[in-house]
Amino acid sequence: MPLSSANLSALVALRHDLHQHPEVSGQEEQTAQRIRAFLTTLTPNRLVGQLGGHGLAAVFEGSAPGPTILLRCELDALPIQEKSDVAHRSTISGKGHLCGHDGHMAILAAVAMTLAERRPAKGRTVLLFQPAEEDGSGAAKVLSDEAFALLAPDLALSLHNCPGLPIGRAALKSGPVNCASRGLKIEFTGKTAHASQPETGLSPMPAVSALMPILSGCSKGTQADPDFRLVTITHAQLGEPAFGIAPGDGQVWATLRTLTDDQMEALCQEAEAAARKQAEISNLEVSFSYHDVFHHCENAPEATAVLARAMDACGVNWDSTGLPWRPSEDFGRFRRLCPSAMLFLGAGVSCPALHNPDYDFPDELIPLGAEIFLNALRELLG
């Protein structure tokens, strides 16, 4: 059932409102309230809030027993200043919906509109608006929430917009589609000294400067290779910004990326060993902490086939171009619960890249994304 012009206008207005009021991971309270207000008018059978934080799920039930199908999108925005002249640009300084999560929410809102008019014949659909995807913590918190156990799906589906692919095209494949990643913070501790007598202290400068190229040298292959690994130095710091003090502490931040979870442990051990060696050379203490931990996303064959048939039914041209993707996605955690799959929907060849300050989700993807999901639901639930 195609969206009416009135419904499409309402969805675009919702997307623009969400875009103007971005909230970062763990702070999506007002975003969830906006979504709840929209969904309440559609009278789902249940609305479950505060999932894993500010997460929200709308449940639409069929009249006969059947499987539970979960469709998932994300609530959070990014801590990046938007640089755009669109009328609906962010009104919050330093924050922006620069990954398209506002559009993903609008797509699930479009699905909810259709389900409100025609419930599934059997089973139930769970529309999950998940918090905190960008820092990798949201899916884990939702899955560990006792309230989510009552919504546990038999199959989970998701999508992400993909700049660089033409609008109307998509990428899909079974197997790994998003890399595992985690942030490694390495902290060296020595001893400060007066800048006129650096020899009386223990500076981490040699360790920091030596370690960065060593870590970068751990990278190898492309994301299509089973043993792919990439280390990206994202931040480094020495002491305090002062001319009179020789530094006594330093930090190196690096993002570690591998195709699969199995490869990540080996890369972590190699990075830590390299840091320990430099600490030993300079007689420093060293410590490690991990942040923004993402498991790799792997599409199950049966879930992938559902999405493939759903796209075929609405004439979307698709192949596996660009997959697997280097960027990470915490949707990968759902595969430990049930078969799951994510597709990548073209946002246009000239669309700015994700996380760029001038990115804006294309509104024309809202009805297309909804139609794909609705085709999948019709096959599975009638």
Protein backbone atom coordinates (compact mmCIF):
# COMPACT_ATOMS: atom_id res chain seq x y z
CA MET A 1 0.00 0.00 0.00
CA PRO A 2 1.79 3.22 -1.14
CA LEU A 3 1.98 6.11 1.29
CA SER A 4 -0.53 8.88 0.68
CA SER A 5 0.81 12.34 -0.05
CA ALA A 6 -0.54 13.51 3.32
CA ASN A 7 1.22 10.69 5.15
CA LEU A 8 4.46 11.30 3.28
CA SER A 9 4.31 15.00 4.14
CA ALA A 10 3.81 14.10 7.81
CA LEU A 11 6.81 11.76 7.71
CA VAL A 12 9.05 14.35 6.09
CA ALA A 13 7.95 16.88 8.71
CA LEU A 14 8.80 14.36 11.43
CA ARG A 15 12.21 13.72 9.92
CA HIS A 16 12.97 17.45 9.69
CA ASP A 17 11.83 18.00 13.28
CA LEU A 18 14.11 15.19 14.48
CA HIS A 19 16.96 16.63 12.40
CA GLN A 20 16.56 20.04 14.04
CA HIS A 21 16.71 18.58 17.56
CA PRO A 22 19.57 16.04 17.64
CA GLU A 23 20.57 14.25 20.82
CA VAL A 24 23.74 12.20 21.21
CA SER A 25 24.10 8.67 22.55
CA GLY A 26 22.46 8.14 25.92
CA GLN A 27 20.75 11.54 25.88
CA GLU A 28 17.86 10.81 23.48
CA GLU A 29 15.03 11.57 25.90
CA GLN A 30 13.33 14.26 23.81
CA THR A 31 13.85 12.28 20.60
CA ALA A 32 12.10 9.29 22.16
CA GLN A 33 9.27 11.54 23.33
CA ARG A 34 8.80 12.90 19.80
CA ILE A 35 8.64 9.37 18.42
CA ARG A 36 6.25 8.26 21.17
CA ALA A 37 3.91 11.17 20.43
CA PHE A 38 3.88 10.23 16.74
CA LEU A 39 3.32 6.53 17.40
CA THR A 40 0.61 7.05 20.00
CA THR A 41 -1.73 8.39 17.33
CA LEU A 42 -1.30 5.11 15.44
CA THR A 43 -2.58 2.99 18.37
CA PRO A 44 -0.05 0.15 18.39
CA ASN A 45 -0.97 -2.79 20.62
CA ARG A 46 1.86 -1.85 22.97
CA LEU A 47 4.42 0.88 23.44
CA VAL A 48 7.39 -0.16 25.57
CA GLY A 49 9.65 2.66 26.71
CA GLN A 50 12.96 3.08 28.53
CA LEU A 51 14.51 0.09 26.77
CA GLY A 52 18.24 0.10 27.46
CA GLY A 53 17.95 3.78 28.34
CA HIS A 54 15.68 5.86 26.12
CA GLY A 55 14.80 3.06 23.70
CA LEU A 56 11.22 2.68 22.53
CA ALA A 57 9.40 -0.24 20.89
CA ALA A 58 6.00 -0.24 19.17
CA VAL A 59 4.29 -3.62 18.89
CA PHE A 60 1.69 -4.40 16.22
CA GLU A 61 0.05 -7.80 16.73
CA GLY A 62 -1.68 -10.08 14.28
CA SER A 63 -4.85 -12.04 15.02
CA ALA A 64 -3.20 -15.47 14.73
CA PRO A 65 -0.05 -17.00 16.26
CA GLY A 66 3.15 -16.49 14.34
CA PRO A 67 6.74 -15.32 14.55
CA THR A 68 7.97 -12.03 15.98
CA ILE A 69 9.76 -9.86 13.43
CA LEU A 70 11.86 -6.96 14.68
CA LEU A 71 12.68 -3.90 12.59
CA ARG A 72 15.29 -1.69 14.17
CA CYS A 73 16.41 1.92 13.74
CA GLU A 74 18.50 4.31 15.84
CA LEU A 75 17.61 7.36 17.96
CA ASP A 76 20.97 9.07 18.41
CA ALA A 77 22.83 11.81 16.59
CA LEU A 78 26.52 12.75 16.54
CA PRO A 79 28.64 15.24 18.52
CA ILE A 80 29.54 17.06 15.29
CA GLN A 81 28.68 20.64 14.31
CA GLU A 82 26.40 20.62 11.28
CA LYS A 83 27.49 22.93 8.45
CA SER A 84 24.48 23.20 6.21
CA ASP A 85 22.11 25.82 4.83
CA VAL A 86 19.01 23.58 4.73
CA ALA A 87 15.98 25.07 6.46
CA HIS A 88 15.78 22.12 8.87
CA ARG A 89 19.43 22.22 9.95
CA SER A 90 20.33 21.42 13.55
CA THR A 91 19.39 24.00 16.16
CA ILE A 92 21.72 22.42 18.75
CA SER A 93 25.31 23.64 18.67
CA GLY A 94 27.87 20.89 18.25
CA LYS A 95 25.31 18.16 17.53
CA GLY A 96 23.83 16.90 14.28
CA HIS A 97 21.98 14.03 12.63
CA LEU A 98 24.88 13.47 10.25
CA CYS A 99 24.51 9.69 9.88
CA GLY A 100 20.86 9.52 8.81
CA HIS A 101 19.31 8.11 11.95
CA ASP A 102 16.55 10.73 11.61
CA GLY A 103 15.70 9.19 8.26
CA HIS A 104 15.84 5.65 9.58
CA MET A 105 13.36 6.66 12.30
CA ALA A 106 11.07 8.17 9.67
CA ILE A 107 11.16 4.91 7.70
CA LEU A 108 10.00 2.90 10.72
CA ALA A 109 7.37 5.57 11.42
CA ALA A 110 6.14 4.99 7.84
CA VAL A 111 5.92 1.26 8.52
CA ALA A 112 3.93 2.02 11.68
CA MET A 113 1.50 4.15 9.66
CA THR A 114 0.77 1.25 7.34
CA LEU A 115 0.50 -1.30 10.15
CA ALA A 116 -1.96 0.99 11.91
CA GLU A 117 -4.26 0.69 8.91
CA ARG A 118 -3.68 -3.02 8.41
CA ARG A 119 -2.28 -5.20 11.17
CA PRO A 120 -0.25 -8.30 10.24
CA ALA A 121 -2.38 -11.42 9.76
CA LYS A 122 -0.29 -13.40 12.25
CA GLY A 123 2.56 -13.03 14.70
CA ARG A 124 3.71 -9.57 15.63
CA THR A 125 5.94 -6.77 14.42
CA VAL A 126 8.23 -4.97 16.85
CA LEU A 127 9.49 -1.56 15.70
CA LEU A 128 12.54 -0.79 17.83
CA PHE A 129 13.86 2.75 18.10
CA GLN A 130 17.22 1.94 19.69
CA PRO A 131 19.37 4.33 21.73
CA ALA A 132 23.12 4.84 21.68
CA GLU A 133 24.17 3.18 18.44
CA GLU A 134 26.96 5.64 17.72
CA ASP A 135 29.03 4.69 20.78
CA GLY A 136 28.30 0.97 20.47
CA SER A 137 26.51 0.65 23.81
CA GLY A 138 22.83 0.76 22.86
CA ALA A 139 22.15 -2.68 21.43
CA ALA A 140 23.86 -4.39 24.36
CA LYS A 141 21.78 -2.38 26.86
CA VAL A 142 18.53 -3.13 25.02
CA LEU A 143 19.29 -6.84 24.80
CA SER A 144 20.09 -7.03 28.52
CA ASP A 145 16.92 -5.14 29.50
CA GLU A 146 14.38 -7.44 31.18
CA ALA A 147 11.54 -5.71 29.33
CA PHE A 148 13.06 -6.66 26.00
CA ALA A 149 12.87 -10.37 26.86
CA LEU A 150 9.10 -10.13 26.31
CA LEU A 151 9.74 -8.78 22.79
CA ALA A 152 12.43 -11.27 21.79
CA PRO A 153 12.31 -11.63 17.98
CA ASP A 154 12.56 -14.68 15.78
CA LEU A 155 14.16 -12.57 13.03
CA ALA A 156 15.61 -9.04 13.01
CA LEU A 157 16.02 -6.68 10.06
CA SER A 158 17.56 -3.26 9.65
CA LEU A 159 18.90 -0.88 7.02
CA HIS A 160 21.41 1.92 6.71
CA ASN A 161 21.57 4.60 4.08
CA CYS A 162 24.69 4.50 1.93
CA PRO A 163 26.12 7.63 0.27
CA GLY A 164 27.94 6.79 -2.95
CA LEU A 165 25.30 4.31 -4.12
CA PRO A 166 22.66 5.75 -6.47
CA ILE A 167 19.23 6.33 -5.00
CA GLY A 168 17.07 3.35 -5.92
CA ARG A 169 19.94 0.89 -5.62
CA ALA A 170 21.00 -1.15 -2.62
CA ALA A 171 23.79 -3.39 -1.35
CA LEU A 172 23.15 -6.71 0.36
CA LYS A 173 25.00 -9.96 0.97
CA SER A 174 25.09 -12.75 3.50
CA GLY A 175 28.08 -13.10 5.79
CA PRO A 176 30.05 -10.24 7.40
CA VAL A 177 28.83 -6.80 6.29
CA ASN A 178 30.21 -4.43 8.97
CA CYS A 179 33.59 -4.63 10.66
CA ALA A 180 34.23 -5.09 14.35
CA SER A 181 35.89 -2.11 16.00
CA ARG A 182 36.86 -0.69 19.36
CA GLY A 183 38.66 2.34 20.68
CA LEU A 184 41.92 1.69 22.54
CA LYS A 185 43.20 4.36 24.93
CA ILE A 186 46.85 3.92 25.89
CA GLU A 187 48.10 5.99 28.84
CA PHE A 188 51.79 6.39 29.64
CA THR A 189 52.85 7.68 33.06
CA GLY A 190 56.33 9.01 33.82
CA LYS A 191 57.48 12.04 35.81
CA THR A 192 57.19 15.75 35.07
CA ALA A 193 60.21 18.04 35.26
CA HIS A 194 61.09 21.67 34.77
CA ALA A 195 61.47 22.38 31.07
CA SER A 196 65.04 23.60 31.75
CA GLN A 197 65.93 20.21 33.24
CA PRO A 198 64.06 17.55 31.23
CA GLU A 199 66.67 14.96 32.15
CA THR A 200 65.35 14.93 35.73
CA GLY A 201 61.95 13.66 34.61
CA LEU A 202 60.58 10.74 32.62
CA SER A 203 58.94 12.04 29.46
CA PRO A 204 56.52 9.87 27.47
CA MET A 205 57.39 11.78 24.29
CA PRO A 206 59.71 9.09 22.83
CA ALA A 207 57.16 6.36 23.55
CA VAL A 208 54.23 8.28 22.09
CA SER A 209 56.11 9.32 18.96
CA ALA A 210 57.50 5.84 18.36
CA LEU A 211 54.25 4.01 19.05
CA MET A 212 52.00 5.81 16.57
CA PRO A 213 53.70 4.58 13.38
CA ILE A 214 54.09 1.12 14.91
CA LEU A 215 50.36 0.88 15.53
CA SER A 216 49.53 2.19 12.06
CA GLY A 217 51.86 -0.47 10.67
CA CYS A 218 49.63 -3.19 12.12
CA SER A 219 47.11 -2.47 9.35
CA LYS A 220 46.86 -4.88 6.45
CA GLY A 221 44.57 -5.96 3.63
CA THR A 222 41.14 -4.70 2.65
CA GLN A 223 37.85 -5.32 4.38
CA ALA A 224 37.12 -8.11 1.92
CA ASP A 225 40.07 -10.11 3.30
CA PRO A 226 39.39 -12.53 6.19
CA ASP A 227 42.46 -11.24 8.06
CA PHE A 228 41.78 -7.53 7.41
CA ARG A 229 42.91 -5.18 10.16
CA LEU A 230 43.10 -1.40 10.34
CA VAL A 231 44.52 0.80 13.09
CA THR A 232 43.65 4.50 12.93
CA ILE A 233 45.34 6.94 15.29
CA THR A 234 42.61 9.35 16.37
CA HIS A 235 44.22 11.38 19.17
CA ALA A 236 47.51 11.92 20.98
CA GLN A 237 48.45 14.08 23.95
CA LEU A 238 51.58 15.00 25.90
CA GLY A 239 51.39 16.59 29.33
CA GLU A 240 49.82 20.00 29.77
CA PRO A 241 49.83 22.84 27.25
CA ALA A 242 52.63 24.77 29.01
CA PHE A 243 56.15 25.84 28.01
CA GLY A 244 57.70 25.49 31.43
CA ILE A 245 56.94 21.82 32.07
CA ALA A 246 58.50 18.74 30.52
CA PRO A 247 55.59 16.26 30.25
CA GLY A 248 55.19 13.34 32.63
CA ASP A 249 52.19 11.67 31.02
CA GLY A 250 50.89 11.00 27.55
CA GLN A 251 48.11 9.29 25.68
CA VAL A 252 47.58 7.62 22.34
CA TRP A 253 44.06 6.85 21.15
CA ALA A 254 43.55 4.41 18.34
CA THR A 255 40.58 2.75 16.68
CA LEU A 256 41.16 -0.94 15.98
CA ARG A 257 39.13 -2.51 13.18
CA THR A 258 38.89 -6.10 11.92
CA LEU A 259 36.49 -7.94 9.64
CA THR A 260 35.29 -10.29 12.39
CA ASP A 261 35.26 -10.51 16.17
CA ASP A 262 37.65 -13.48 16.05
CA GLN A 263 40.41 -11.30 14.61
CA MET A 264 39.97 -8.49 17.11
CA GLU A 265 41.52 -10.21 20.13
CA ALA A 266 44.77 -10.84 18.29
CA LEU A 267 44.98 -7.22 17.16
CA CYS A 268 44.36 -5.96 20.70
CA GLN A 269 47.14 -8.17 22.04
CA GLU A 270 49.55 -6.96 19.36
CA ALA A 271 48.76 -3.29 20.04
CA GLU A 272 49.16 -3.72 23.81
CA ALA A 273 52.46 -5.57 23.37
CA ALA A 274 53.83 -2.74 21.21
CA ALA A 275 52.85 -0.17 23.84
CA ARG A 276 54.39 -2.19 26.68
CA LYS A 277 57.65 -2.42 24.76
CA GLN A 278 57.86 1.36 24.33
CA ALA A 279 56.95 1.88 27.99
CA GLU A 280 59.77 -0.46 29.02
CA ILE A 281 62.27 1.33 26.80
CA SER A 282 61.40 4.69 28.40
CA ASN A 283 60.90 3.31 31.94
CA LEU A 284 57.24 4.35 31.98
CA GLU A 285 54.10 2.84 33.40
CA VAL A 286 51.40 2.02 30.88
CA SER A 287 47.69 1.23 31.13
CA PHE A 288 44.93 0.38 28.67
CA SER A 289 41.19 0.91 28.41
CA TYR A 290 38.68 0.07 25.67
CA HIS A 291 35.75 2.17 24.48
CA ASP A 292 33.03 2.15 21.80
CA VAL A 293 33.14 -1.62 21.41
CA PHE A 294 31.33 -2.87 18.29
CA HIS A 295 30.90 -6.51 17.31
CA HIS A 296 30.97 -7.28 13.61
CA CYS A 297 27.65 -7.48 11.76
CA GLU A 298 26.99 -10.74 9.95
CA ASN A 299 23.92 -11.26 7.80
CA ALA A 300 22.28 -14.66 8.23
CA PRO A 301 21.45 -16.35 4.90
CA GLU A 302 17.74 -16.79 5.73
CA ALA A 303 17.32 -13.16 6.81
CA THR A 304 19.30 -11.94 3.82
CA ALA A 305 17.01 -13.90 1.50
CA VAL A 306 13.94 -12.21 3.03
CA LEU A 307 15.38 -8.76 2.31
CA ALA A 308 16.42 -9.80 -1.20
CA ARG A 309 12.89 -10.94 -2.06
CA ALA A 310 11.45 -7.78 -0.49
CA MET A 311 13.64 -5.59 -2.71
CA ASP A 312 12.87 -7.67 -5.80
CA ALA A 313 9.16 -7.21 -5.12
CA CYS A 314 9.46 -3.41 -5.35
CA GLY A 315 11.98 -3.33 -8.20
CA VAL A 316 15.05 -2.25 -6.25
CA ASN A 317 18.26 -3.12 -8.07
CA TRP A 318 20.78 -4.56 -5.66
CA ASP A 319 24.09 -6.38 -5.50
CA SER A 320 26.96 -6.68 -3.02
CA THR A 321 28.84 -3.55 -4.15
CA GLY A 322 30.97 -2.08 -1.38
CA LEU A 323 30.36 -4.90 1.08
CA PRO A 324 31.59 -5.65 3.63
CA TRP A 325 31.64 -2.07 4.95
CA ARG A 326 34.51 -0.74 7.04
CA PRO A 327 32.21 1.28 9.35
CA SER A 328 30.89 -0.52 12.40
CA GLU A 329 27.28 -1.00 13.52
CA ASP A 330 26.01 -2.32 16.82
CA PHE A 331 23.14 -4.15 15.09
CA GLY A 332 25.63 -7.02 14.95
CA ARG A 333 24.70 -7.95 18.53
CA PHE A 334 21.21 -9.01 17.47
CA ARG A 335 22.61 -11.96 15.53
CA ARG A 336 23.38 -13.63 18.85
CA LEU A 337 19.66 -13.64 19.55
CA CYS A 338 18.16 -14.58 16.18
CA PRO A 339 18.88 -14.59 12.43
CA SER A 340 19.40 -10.97 11.37
CA ALA A 341 20.35 -8.96 8.31
CA MET A 342 21.01 -5.35 7.36
CA LEU A 343 20.75 -3.85 3.87
CA PHE A 344 22.41 -0.66 2.62
CA LEU A 345 20.16 1.70 0.70
CA GLY A 346 21.72 4.11 -1.78
CA ALA A 347 21.60 7.77 -0.70
CA GLY A 348 22.94 9.13 -3.99
CA VAL A 349 26.28 9.30 -5.76
CA SER A 350 26.84 12.95 -4.82
CA CYS A 351 25.49 12.68 -1.27
CA PRO A 352 28.07 13.81 1.32
CA ALA A 353 29.62 10.96 3.27
CA LEU A 354 28.28 9.82 6.62
CA HIS A 355 29.55 11.89 9.57
CA ASN A 356 30.40 14.79 7.25
CA PRO A 357 29.20 18.17 8.58
CA ASP A 358 27.08 18.81 5.46
CA TYR A 359 25.37 15.39 5.31
CA ASP A 360 21.55 15.30 5.18
CA PHE A 361 19.36 12.22 4.76
CA PRO A 362 17.48 12.15 1.41
CA ASP A 363 13.73 12.31 2.09
CA GLU A 364 12.98 10.24 -1.03
CA LEU A 365 14.37 7.19 0.77
CA ILE A 366 11.55 7.23 3.34
CA PRO A 367 8.85 5.58 1.18
CA LEU A 368 11.36 3.24 -0.47
CA GLY A 369 12.80 1.96 2.80
CA ALA A 370 9.31 1.51 4.21
CA GLU A 371 8.16 -0.43 1.16
CA ILE A 372 11.08 -2.86 1.46
CA PHE A 373 10.33 -3.53 5.11
CA LEU A 374 6.59 -3.88 4.47
CA ASN A 375 7.23 -6.40 1.70
CA ALA A 376 9.31 -8.44 4.13
CA LEU A 377 6.57 -8.29 6.75
CA ARG A 378 3.90 -9.36 4.27
CA GLU A 379 5.93 -12.42 3.31
CA LEU A 380 6.59 -13.42 6.92
CA LEU A 381 3.37 -12.37 8.65
CA GLY A 382 0.79 -11.98 5.88
